[in-house]
Amino acid sequence: MKIFTLIIISFILSFTSCIRKKEEDKIKTVYNLNKYMELYAKGKDSIKNIKTLDTFCINQTKRAKIDIKNNKLIYFMSETECEFVGMKKHLKKLNIDVKNYDHYCVIMGGFRRNCYEIEMWKEIDNRLGEKFIDSLKIIAEKEFIIDNPDSLYIKDGIDIRNKYPNLLNKNYLQHR
């Protein structure tokens, strides 16, 4: 009977010691960037066992696919770009809306950004071709120069008016 009791006690002790992990050794699952950042602020030891489940990106991707299925396409670009108004005008003809896009460079904890936007860009490229948007941007850029000949707009280190000197020719503007 004593042996049986000792076996039971040793079993219980070994079982409970396996369950009693330190709090910082447990794997924590986080579903959003805010919770991840909260743990990150506590120090590197508190994030070493974090499992991220990026539900935001999953949901944004699903929403984009539904919108695409319903032919609701949106092209995202920064409204600070000179081409924004022109792109909006030209893409509207193709039933594509243009909305402002603020690019986030920092990706932390396995959380992806701009998942909705990325799905839309892919679909627009699939439907119109990979070079179509770039070509349309050149047209919109030229239109911006013609419509705003006195506007300074630096792109790729140069004033875009210098890229197309013939566009500012008075004869060209009169024939437009």
Protein backbone atom coordinates (compact mmCIF):
# COMPACT_ATOMS: atom_id res chain seq x y z
CA MET A 1 0.00 0.00 0.00
CA LYS A 2 2.88 2.40 0.81
CA ILE A 3 4.44 1.68 -2.56
CA PHE A 4 1.15 2.37 -4.30
CA THR A 5 0.80 5.67 -2.39
CA LEU A 6 4.37 6.67 -3.30
CA ILE A 7 3.73 5.89 -6.95
CA ILE A 8 0.56 8.02 -6.95
CA ILE A 9 2.32 10.92 -5.18
CA SER A 10 5.31 10.81 -7.55
CA PHE A 11 2.91 10.68 -10.53
CA ILE A 12 0.97 13.70 -9.25
CA LEU A 13 4.16 15.68 -8.59
CA SER A 14 5.62 14.93 -12.00
CA PHE A 15 2.31 15.71 -13.71
CA THR A 16 1.81 19.04 -11.95
CA SER A 17 5.39 20.13 -12.53
CA CYS A 18 4.85 19.67 -16.27
CA ILE A 19 1.73 21.83 -16.13
CA ARG A 20 3.31 24.58 -14.04
CA LYS A 21 5.31 26.41 -16.61
CA LYS A 22 6.47 29.87 -15.83
CA GLU A 23 4.20 32.56 -17.27
CA GLU A 24 6.94 33.86 -19.56
CA ASP A 25 7.58 30.36 -20.97
CA LYS A 26 3.99 29.90 -22.14
CA ILE A 27 3.27 30.55 -25.77
CA LYS A 28 0.97 33.51 -26.13
CA THR A 29 -1.22 33.96 -29.17
CA VAL A 30 -1.89 37.52 -30.24
CA TYR A 31 -4.41 38.53 -32.87
CA ASN A 32 -3.56 42.18 -33.37
CA LEU A 33 -0.62 44.53 -33.54
CA ASN A 34 -1.65 46.47 -30.42
CA LYS A 35 -1.40 43.40 -28.19
CA TYR A 36 1.90 42.47 -29.81
CA MET A 37 3.29 45.95 -29.18
CA GLU A 38 2.12 45.79 -25.56
CA LEU A 39 4.12 42.58 -25.06
CA TYR A 40 7.04 43.97 -27.05
CA ALA A 41 7.20 47.00 -24.75
CA LYS A 42 7.71 44.66 -21.80
CA GLY A 43 11.00 43.48 -23.25
CA LYS A 44 12.36 40.86 -25.60
CA ASP A 45 11.96 37.99 -23.11
CA SER A 46 8.20 38.49 -23.07
CA ILE A 47 7.85 38.18 -26.87
CA LYS A 48 10.09 35.23 -27.59
CA ASN A 49 7.19 32.81 -27.32
CA ILE A 50 4.53 34.80 -29.13
CA LYS A 51 2.47 33.20 -31.84
CA THR A 52 0.81 35.73 -34.11
CA LEU A 53 -2.42 35.07 -35.91
CA ASP A 54 -2.96 37.93 -38.32
CA THR A 55 -6.76 37.93 -38.41
CA PHE A 56 -6.84 41.52 -39.66
CA CYS A 57 -4.99 40.61 -42.85
CA ILE A 58 -7.06 37.45 -43.26
CA ASN A 59 -10.29 39.47 -42.98
CA GLN A 60 -9.03 42.25 -45.28
CA THR A 61 -8.04 39.71 -47.93
CA LYS A 62 -11.46 38.04 -47.73
CA ARG A 63 -13.20 41.42 -48.03
CA ALA A 64 -11.08 42.31 -51.08
CA LYS A 65 -11.90 39.01 -52.78
CA ILE A 66 -15.63 39.60 -52.20
CA ASP A 67 -15.34 43.13 -53.64
CA ILE A 68 -13.40 41.79 -56.64
CA LYS A 69 -16.04 39.12 -57.23
CA ASN A 70 -18.64 41.92 -57.20
CA ASN A 71 -16.52 43.95 -59.69
CA LYS A 72 -15.79 46.66 -57.13
CA LEU A 73 -12.19 47.54 -57.95
CA ILE A 74 -10.20 50.21 -56.13
CA TYR A 75 -6.74 51.45 -57.05
CA PHE A 76 -4.77 52.84 -54.12
CA MET A 77 -2.15 55.55 -54.42
CA SER A 78 -1.03 58.56 -52.42
CA GLU A 79 -3.08 61.65 -53.09
CA THR A 80 0.13 63.67 -52.73
CA GLU A 81 1.33 62.31 -56.09
CA CYS A 82 0.74 64.67 -58.99
CA GLU A 83 -0.89 61.85 -60.97
CA PHE A 84 -3.66 61.26 -58.41
CA VAL A 85 -6.32 63.45 -60.07
CA GLY A 86 -5.49 62.17 -63.54
CA MET A 87 -5.50 58.55 -62.42
CA LYS A 88 -8.86 59.09 -60.78
CA LYS A 89 -10.26 60.54 -64.02
CA HIS A 90 -8.87 57.80 -66.29
CA LEU A 91 -9.62 54.82 -64.04
CA LYS A 92 -13.18 56.02 -63.47
CA LYS A 93 -13.77 55.33 -67.19
CA LEU A 94 -12.87 51.69 -66.44
CA ASN A 95 -15.17 51.58 -63.39
CA ILE A 96 -12.18 51.58 -61.01
CA ASP A 97 -12.25 53.90 -58.04
CA VAL A 98 -9.05 55.58 -56.82
CA LYS A 99 -8.50 56.13 -53.12
CA ASN A 100 -5.73 57.58 -50.99
CA TYR A 101 -3.17 55.13 -49.71
CA ASP A 102 -0.78 55.82 -46.88
CA HIS A 103 2.11 53.40 -47.12
CA TYR A 104 3.32 51.76 -43.91
CA CYS A 105 6.85 50.45 -44.08
CA VAL A 106 7.14 48.91 -40.62
CA ILE A 107 5.97 45.33 -40.24
CA MET A 108 6.23 43.94 -36.73
CA GLY A 109 5.41 40.64 -35.15
CA GLY A 110 4.34 38.96 -38.35
CA PHE A 111 1.41 41.33 -38.90
CA ARG A 112 1.10 42.33 -42.53
CA ARG A 113 -0.18 45.68 -43.69
CA ASN A 114 -2.25 46.75 -46.68
CA CYS A 115 -3.65 43.29 -47.42
CA TYR A 116 -6.81 44.71 -49.00
CA GLU A 117 -4.80 47.08 -51.16
CA ILE A 118 -2.39 44.36 -52.29
CA GLU A 119 -5.28 42.12 -53.41
CA MET A 120 -6.77 45.01 -55.38
CA TRP A 121 -3.44 45.85 -57.05
CA LYS A 122 -2.97 42.21 -58.06
CA GLU A 123 -6.46 41.99 -59.55
CA ILE A 124 -6.09 45.25 -61.49
CA ASP A 125 -2.76 44.00 -62.87
CA ASN A 126 -4.39 40.67 -63.78
CA ARG A 127 -7.25 42.36 -65.62
CA LEU A 128 -5.40 45.22 -67.31
CA GLY A 129 -1.83 43.96 -67.54
CA GLU A 130 1.15 44.72 -65.35
CA LYS A 131 2.32 47.70 -67.41
CA PHE A 132 -1.08 49.38 -67.82
CA ILE A 133 -1.04 51.34 -64.56
CA ASP A 134 2.52 52.55 -65.20
CA SER A 135 1.53 53.75 -68.69
CA LEU A 136 -1.54 55.50 -67.32
CA LYS A 137 0.58 57.21 -64.66
CA ILE A 138 2.83 58.64 -67.38
CA ILE A 139 -0.22 60.05 -69.16
CA ALA A 140 -1.56 61.51 -65.89
CA GLU A 141 1.87 62.96 -65.09
CA LYS A 142 2.01 64.71 -68.48
CA GLU A 143 -1.50 66.05 -67.99
CA PHE A 144 -0.48 67.42 -64.62
CA ILE A 145 2.42 69.32 -66.23
CA ILE A 146 0.15 70.79 -68.90
CA ASP A 147 -2.55 71.76 -66.38
CA ASN A 148 -0.06 73.10 -63.80
CA PRO A 149 2.90 74.52 -65.72
CA ASP A 150 4.05 76.65 -62.77
CA SER A 151 3.91 73.86 -60.17
CA LEU A 152 7.17 72.54 -58.83
CA TYR A 153 6.95 68.78 -58.35
CA ILE A 154 10.12 66.85 -57.59
CA LYS A 155 10.06 63.18 -58.50
CA ASP A 156 13.05 60.86 -58.68
CA GLY A 157 15.24 63.87 -57.84
CA ILE A 158 14.15 66.07 -60.74
CA ASP A 159 11.40 68.58 -61.42
CA ILE A 160 8.97 66.62 -63.61
CA ARG A 161 8.57 69.67 -65.88
CA ASN A 162 12.16 68.99 -67.00
CA LYS A 163 11.26 65.42 -68.02
CA TYR A 164 8.91 66.67 -70.73
CA PRO A 165 10.17 70.05 -71.95
CA ASN A 166 8.03 69.94 -75.13
CA LEU A 167 4.83 69.83 -73.09
CA LEU A 168 5.37 73.38 -71.91
CA ASN A 169 5.86 74.65 -75.45
CA LYS A 170 3.16 77.28 -76.13
CA ASN A 171 2.39 75.81 -79.57
CA TYR A 172 1.80 72.37 -78.03
CA LEU A 173 -0.51 73.84 -75.39
CA GLN A 174 -2.57 75.69 -78.04
CA HIS A 175 -3.10 72.51 -80.09
CA ARG A 176 -4.23 70.50 -77.14
